């Protein structure tokens, strides 16, 4: 079963670098909070996985602009840490496909334990 989430902020909009340090943007914090809530409902009472796993992703962009799917990985992986997996070091992301869905841009994910 797939989890469908709104598109996460890209890595370019995930962190802000200042002289005082590096910080998550408000957009990233907000997206992670709402996605974390949906992920908890989707994952249920299962414990976070602490083993190698494959994260399969299908991306539905809002328009035809050129984008890199892998720019979505960091925010997505961080949002699901502690819910679906114990640490994102276990995650092997695979982007299966991308297409345009102007009415419902999103990312859909499936998790499979790697043997």
N, C-alpha and C. Protein backbone atom coordinates (compact mmCIF):
# COMPACT_ATOMS: atom_id res chain seq x y z
N UNK A 1 0.85 -1.18 0.00
CA UNK A 1 0.00 0.00 0.00
C UNK A 1 0.90 1.24 0.00
N UNK A 2 0.54 2.22 -0.80
CA UNK A 2 1.34 3.43 -0.93
C UNK A 2 0.85 4.53 0.02
N UNK A 3 1.80 5.32 0.46
CA UNK A 3 1.52 6.54 1.22
C UNK A 3 1.63 7.69 0.24
N UNK A 4 0.59 8.51 0.14
CA UNK A 4 0.61 9.68 -0.74
C UNK A 4 0.75 10.94 0.12
N UNK A 5 1.73 11.76 -0.25
CA UNK A 5 2.01 13.00 0.47
C UNK A 5 2.12 14.14 -0.53
N UNK A 6 1.88 15.35 -0.07
CA UNK A 6 2.15 16.49 -0.93
C UNK A 6 3.65 16.52 -1.22
N UNK A 7 4.05 17.23 -2.25
CA UNK A 7 5.46 17.27 -2.60
C UNK A 7 6.26 17.96 -1.50
N UNK A 8 7.34 17.35 -1.06
CA UNK A 8 8.18 17.99 -0.03
C UNK A 8 8.98 19.13 -0.64
N UNK A 9 9.44 20.04 0.22
CA UNK A 9 10.36 21.07 -0.29
C UNK A 9 11.61 20.39 -0.85
N UNK A 10 12.13 20.94 -1.92
CA UNK A 10 13.36 20.38 -2.49
C UNK A 10 14.51 20.70 -1.54
N UNK A 11 15.61 20.05 -1.78
CA UNK A 11 16.79 20.29 -0.95
C UNK A 11 17.20 21.76 -1.01
N UNK A 12 16.89 22.43 -2.11
CA UNK A 12 17.20 23.85 -2.25
C UNK A 12 16.36 24.73 -1.34
N UNK A 13 15.21 24.24 -0.91
CA UNK A 13 14.31 25.00 -0.03
C UNK A 13 14.17 24.37 1.35
N UNK A 14 15.02 23.41 1.65
CA UNK A 14 14.96 22.67 2.91
C UNK A 14 15.74 23.35 4.02
N UNK A 15 16.93 23.83 3.71
CA UNK A 15 17.81 24.44 4.72
C UNK A 15 18.18 25.86 4.32
N UNK A 16 18.40 26.68 5.33
CA UNK A 16 18.94 28.03 5.15
C UNK A 16 20.26 28.10 5.89
N UNK A 17 21.24 28.67 5.22
CA UNK A 17 22.57 28.79 5.81
C UNK A 17 22.80 30.26 6.17
N UNK A 18 23.16 30.50 7.41
CA UNK A 18 23.49 31.85 7.86
C UNK A 18 24.85 31.83 8.54
N UNK A 19 25.30 32.99 8.96
CA UNK A 19 26.58 33.05 9.69
C UNK A 19 26.48 32.33 11.03
N UNK A 20 25.27 32.24 11.57
CA UNK A 20 25.07 31.62 12.87
C UNK A 20 24.79 30.12 12.81
N UNK A 21 24.72 29.57 11.62
CA UNK A 21 24.48 28.13 11.50
C UNK A 21 23.54 27.80 10.36
N UNK A 22 23.09 26.56 10.35
CA UNK A 22 22.19 26.06 9.32
C UNK A 22 20.87 25.68 9.97
N UNK A 23 19.77 26.09 9.35
CA UNK A 23 18.45 25.89 9.94
C UNK A 23 17.48 25.34 8.90
N UNK A 24 16.52 24.52 9.37
CA UNK A 24 15.42 24.10 8.51
C UNK A 24 14.52 25.30 8.26
N UNK A 25 14.01 25.40 7.04
CA UNK A 25 13.07 26.47 6.73
C UNK A 25 11.72 26.17 7.38
N UNK A 26 10.90 27.19 7.50
CA UNK A 26 9.57 27.00 8.06
C UNK A 26 8.73 26.09 7.17
N UNK A 27 8.91 26.20 5.85
CA UNK A 27 8.19 25.31 4.92
C UNK A 27 8.56 23.85 5.18
N UNK A 28 9.83 23.59 5.41
CA UNK A 28 10.28 22.21 5.67
C UNK A 28 9.71 21.70 6.99
N UNK A 29 9.75 22.51 8.03
CA UNK A 29 9.21 22.11 9.33
C UNK A 29 7.72 21.81 9.23
N UNK A 30 7.00 22.67 8.55
CA UNK A 30 5.55 22.49 8.39
C UNK A 30 5.24 21.24 7.59
N UNK A 31 5.94 21.04 6.47
CA UNK A 31 5.71 19.85 5.64
C UNK A 31 6.01 18.58 6.42
N UNK A 32 7.10 18.57 7.17
CA UNK A 32 7.48 17.39 7.93
C UNK A 32 6.46 17.08 9.02
N UNK A 33 5.91 18.09 9.66
CA UNK A 33 4.91 17.86 10.71
C UNK A 33 3.64 17.25 10.12
N UNK A 34 3.14 17.82 9.04
CA UNK A 34 1.90 17.30 8.45
C UNK A 34 2.13 15.92 7.82
N UNK A 35 3.26 15.71 7.20
CA UNK A 35 3.56 14.41 6.59
C UNK A 35 3.81 13.35 7.66
N UNK A 36 4.42 13.75 8.75
CA UNK A 36 4.64 12.83 9.85
C UNK A 36 3.33 12.32 10.42
N UNK A 37 2.36 13.21 10.53
CA UNK A 37 1.04 12.82 11.02
C UNK A 37 0.41 11.77 10.08
N UNK A 38 0.44 12.04 8.78
CA UNK A 38 -0.12 11.09 7.81
C UNK A 38 0.65 9.76 7.81
N UNK A 39 1.96 9.84 7.95
CA UNK A 39 2.78 8.62 7.97
C UNK A 39 2.46 7.77 9.20
N UNK A 40 2.23 8.41 10.34
CA UNK A 40 1.88 7.64 11.56
C UNK A 40 0.57 6.89 11.36
N UNK A 41 -0.39 7.54 10.74
CA UNK A 41 -1.68 6.87 10.47
C UNK A 41 -1.48 5.72 9.49
N UNK A 42 -0.65 5.92 8.48
CA UNK A 42 -0.39 4.90 7.46
C UNK A 42 0.39 3.74 8.05
N UNK A 43 1.43 4.01 8.84
CA UNK A 43 2.30 2.98 9.38
C UNK A 43 1.64 2.22 10.52
N UNK A 44 0.72 2.85 11.22
CA UNK A 44 0.01 2.19 12.31
C UNK A 44 0.87 1.99 13.54
N UNK A 45 0.65 0.89 14.22
CA UNK A 45 1.33 0.61 15.48
C UNK A 45 2.69 -0.09 15.31
N UNK A 46 3.10 -0.32 14.07
CA UNK A 46 4.37 -1.00 13.84
C UNK A 46 5.55 -0.15 14.34
N UNK A 47 6.57 -0.84 14.78
CA UNK A 47 7.79 -0.17 15.22
C UNK A 47 8.56 0.34 14.00
N UNK A 48 9.33 1.42 14.17
CA UNK A 48 10.19 1.86 13.07
C UNK A 48 11.20 0.76 12.71
N UNK A 49 11.46 0.59 11.44
CA UNK A 49 12.38 -0.43 10.96
C UNK A 49 13.82 -0.03 11.24
N UNK A 50 14.61 -0.97 11.69
CA UNK A 50 16.03 -0.74 11.97
C UNK A 50 16.85 -1.71 11.13
N UNK A 51 16.56 -1.73 9.84
CA UNK A 51 17.27 -2.58 8.90
C UNK A 51 17.20 -1.95 7.52
N UNK A 52 18.01 -2.45 6.63
CA UNK A 52 18.05 -1.92 5.28
C UNK A 52 16.69 -2.06 4.62
N UNK A 53 16.23 -1.00 3.96
CA UNK A 53 14.93 -1.04 3.28
C UNK A 53 14.97 -0.22 2.00
N UNK A 54 14.07 -0.57 1.10
CA UNK A 54 13.94 0.13 -0.17
C UNK A 54 12.73 1.06 -0.06
N UNK A 55 12.94 2.32 -0.39
CA UNK A 55 11.87 3.31 -0.43
C UNK A 55 11.59 3.60 -1.90
N UNK A 56 10.48 3.08 -2.40
CA UNK A 56 10.09 3.32 -3.80
C UNK A 56 9.22 4.56 -3.87
N UNK A 57 9.54 5.43 -4.82
CA UNK A 57 8.85 6.72 -4.92
C UNK A 57 8.33 6.95 -6.34
N UNK A 58 7.12 7.48 -6.40
CA UNK A 58 6.51 7.93 -7.65
C UNK A 58 6.19 9.41 -7.45
N UNK A 59 6.67 10.24 -8.37
CA UNK A 59 6.52 11.69 -8.23
C UNK A 59 5.54 12.20 -9.28
N UNK A 60 4.64 13.06 -8.84
CA UNK A 60 3.65 13.69 -9.72
C UNK A 60 3.84 15.20 -9.59
N UNK A 61 4.52 15.78 -10.58
CA UNK A 61 4.85 17.20 -10.57
C UNK A 61 3.64 18.06 -10.91
N UNK A 62 3.64 19.33 -10.49
CA UNK A 62 2.52 20.22 -10.80
C UNK A 62 2.55 20.80 -12.20
N UNK A 63 3.70 20.72 -12.88
CA UNK A 63 3.83 21.28 -14.22
C UNK A 63 4.99 20.60 -14.94
N UNK A 64 5.28 21.07 -16.13
CA UNK A 64 6.30 20.44 -16.98
C UNK A 64 7.72 20.97 -16.78
N UNK A 65 7.94 21.80 -15.77
CA UNK A 65 9.30 22.30 -15.53
C UNK A 65 10.26 21.15 -15.25
N UNK A 66 11.50 21.33 -15.63
CA UNK A 66 12.51 20.30 -15.37
C UNK A 66 12.89 20.32 -13.89
N UNK A 67 12.89 19.15 -13.26
CA UNK A 67 13.24 19.03 -11.85
C UNK A 67 14.00 17.73 -11.64
N UNK A 68 14.73 17.68 -10.54
CA UNK A 68 15.44 16.46 -10.15
C UNK A 68 14.67 15.78 -9.02
N UNK A 69 14.27 14.55 -9.23
CA UNK A 69 13.55 13.80 -8.19
C UNK A 69 14.37 13.67 -6.92
N UNK A 70 15.67 13.47 -7.07
CA UNK A 70 16.47 13.22 -5.88
C UNK A 70 16.57 14.43 -4.95
N UNK A 71 16.16 15.61 -5.40
CA UNK A 71 16.12 16.78 -4.51
C UNK A 71 15.02 16.66 -3.46
N UNK A 72 14.12 15.70 -3.60
CA UNK A 72 13.02 15.52 -2.64
C UNK A 72 13.41 14.57 -1.51
N UNK A 73 14.46 13.82 -1.69
CA UNK A 73 14.80 12.73 -0.78
C UNK A 73 15.08 13.19 0.64
N UNK A 74 15.86 14.23 0.83
CA UNK A 74 16.31 14.62 2.17
C UNK A 74 15.13 14.97 3.08
N UNK A 75 14.25 15.82 2.64
CA UNK A 75 13.12 16.22 3.47
C UNK A 75 12.19 15.04 3.73
N UNK A 76 11.95 14.23 2.71
CA UNK A 76 11.11 13.04 2.86
C UNK A 76 11.71 12.06 3.85
N UNK A 77 12.98 11.75 3.70
CA UNK A 77 13.63 10.79 4.59
C UNK A 77 13.63 11.28 6.04
N UNK A 78 13.88 12.56 6.24
CA UNK A 78 13.88 13.11 7.60
C UNK A 78 12.48 13.08 8.21
N UNK A 79 11.45 13.32 7.41
CA UNK A 79 10.08 13.34 7.94
C UNK A 79 9.63 11.96 8.41
N UNK A 80 10.09 10.91 7.76
CA UNK A 80 9.64 9.56 8.11
C UNK A 80 10.55 8.85 9.11
N UNK A 81 11.66 9.51 9.47
CA UNK A 81 12.57 8.95 10.48
C UNK A 81 11.88 8.94 11.84
N UNK A 82 11.97 7.81 12.50
CA UNK A 82 11.32 7.64 13.80
C UNK A 82 9.89 7.16 13.70
N UNK A 83 9.36 7.12 12.48
CA UNK A 83 8.00 6.64 12.25
C UNK A 83 8.04 5.33 11.46
N UNK A 84 8.63 5.39 10.27
CA UNK A 84 8.71 4.22 9.40
C UNK A 84 10.06 3.52 9.58
N UNK A 85 11.12 4.29 9.71
CA UNK A 85 12.44 3.73 9.96
C UNK A 85 13.08 4.45 11.14
N UNK A 86 14.00 3.74 11.79
CA UNK A 86 14.65 4.29 12.98
C UNK A 86 15.66 5.37 12.62
N UNK A 87 16.30 5.23 11.48
CA UNK A 87 17.32 6.18 11.05
C UNK A 87 17.35 6.14 9.52
N UNK A 88 17.49 7.30 8.88
CA UNK A 88 17.45 7.29 7.42
C UNK A 88 18.71 6.71 6.78
N UNK A 89 19.68 6.27 7.59
CA UNK A 89 20.84 5.57 7.03
C UNK A 89 20.44 4.21 6.46
N UNK A 90 19.28 3.68 6.86
CA UNK A 90 18.79 2.39 6.37
C UNK A 90 18.08 2.48 5.02
N UNK A 91 17.79 3.69 4.57
CA UNK A 91 16.92 3.90 3.41
C UNK A 91 17.70 3.88 2.10
N UNK A 92 17.21 3.06 1.17
CA UNK A 92 17.73 3.01 -0.20
C UNK A 92 16.63 3.54 -1.12
N UNK A 93 16.66 4.84 -1.45
CA UNK A 93 15.58 5.40 -2.27
C UNK A 93 15.67 4.95 -3.73
N UNK A 94 14.52 4.67 -4.31
CA UNK A 94 14.41 4.35 -5.73
C UNK A 94 13.27 5.18 -6.31
N UNK A 95 13.57 5.96 -7.31
CA UNK A 95 12.52 6.71 -8.00
C UNK A 95 12.05 5.88 -9.17
N UNK A 96 10.80 5.44 -9.10
CA UNK A 96 10.25 4.50 -10.06
C UNK A 96 9.74 5.20 -11.32
N UNK A 97 9.16 6.39 -11.14
CA UNK A 97 8.58 7.10 -12.28
C UNK A 97 8.26 8.52 -11.84
N UNK A 98 8.08 9.39 -12.81
CA UNK A 98 7.57 10.73 -12.56
C UNK A 98 6.67 11.10 -13.72
N UNK A 99 5.71 11.94 -13.43
CA UNK A 99 4.81 12.46 -14.46
C UNK A 99 4.17 13.73 -13.94
N UNK A 100 3.36 14.35 -14.74
CA UNK A 100 2.70 15.60 -14.37
C UNK A 100 1.26 15.31 -13.97
N UNK A 101 0.85 15.88 -12.84
CA UNK A 101 -0.55 15.84 -12.41
C UNK A 101 -0.86 17.23 -11.86
N UNK A 102 -1.32 18.09 -12.73
CA UNK A 102 -1.55 19.49 -12.35
C UNK A 102 -2.60 19.64 -11.26
N UNK A 103 -3.54 18.73 -11.19
CA UNK A 103 -4.62 18.83 -10.20
C UNK A 103 -4.22 18.29 -8.83
N UNK A 104 -3.28 17.33 -8.79
CA UNK A 104 -2.92 16.70 -7.52
C UNK A 104 -1.42 16.35 -7.48
N UNK A 105 -0.54 17.37 -7.45
CA UNK A 105 0.88 17.06 -7.36
C UNK A 105 1.18 16.39 -6.02
N UNK A 106 2.06 15.37 -6.05
CA UNK A 106 2.29 14.59 -4.84
C UNK A 106 3.48 13.67 -5.04
N UNK A 107 3.85 13.01 -3.95
CA UNK A 107 4.81 11.92 -4.00
C UNK A 107 4.15 10.73 -3.33
N UNK A 108 4.24 9.58 -3.96
CA UNK A 108 3.71 8.34 -3.38
C UNK A 108 4.88 7.43 -3.08
N UNK A 109 4.83 6.80 -1.90
CA UNK A 109 5.94 5.95 -1.48
C UNK A 109 5.45 4.59 -1.00
N UNK A 110 6.31 3.60 -1.21
CA UNK A 110 6.14 2.25 -0.68
C UNK A 110 7.45 1.86 0.00
N UNK A 111 7.35 1.04 1.02
CA UNK A 111 8.53 0.57 1.75
C UNK A 111 8.60 -0.95 1.62
N UNK A 112 9.80 -1.44 1.31
CA UNK A 112 10.03 -2.89 1.26
C UNK A 112 11.30 -3.20 2.02
N UNK A 113 11.22 -4.17 2.91
CA UNK A 113 12.40 -4.59 3.66
C UNK A 113 13.34 -5.30 2.71
N UNK A 114 14.60 -4.90 2.75
CA UNK A 114 15.62 -5.50 1.90
C UNK A 114 16.17 -6.75 2.58
N UNK A 115 16.15 -7.85 1.88
CA UNK A 115 16.65 -9.13 2.44
C UNK A 115 18.15 -9.21 2.37
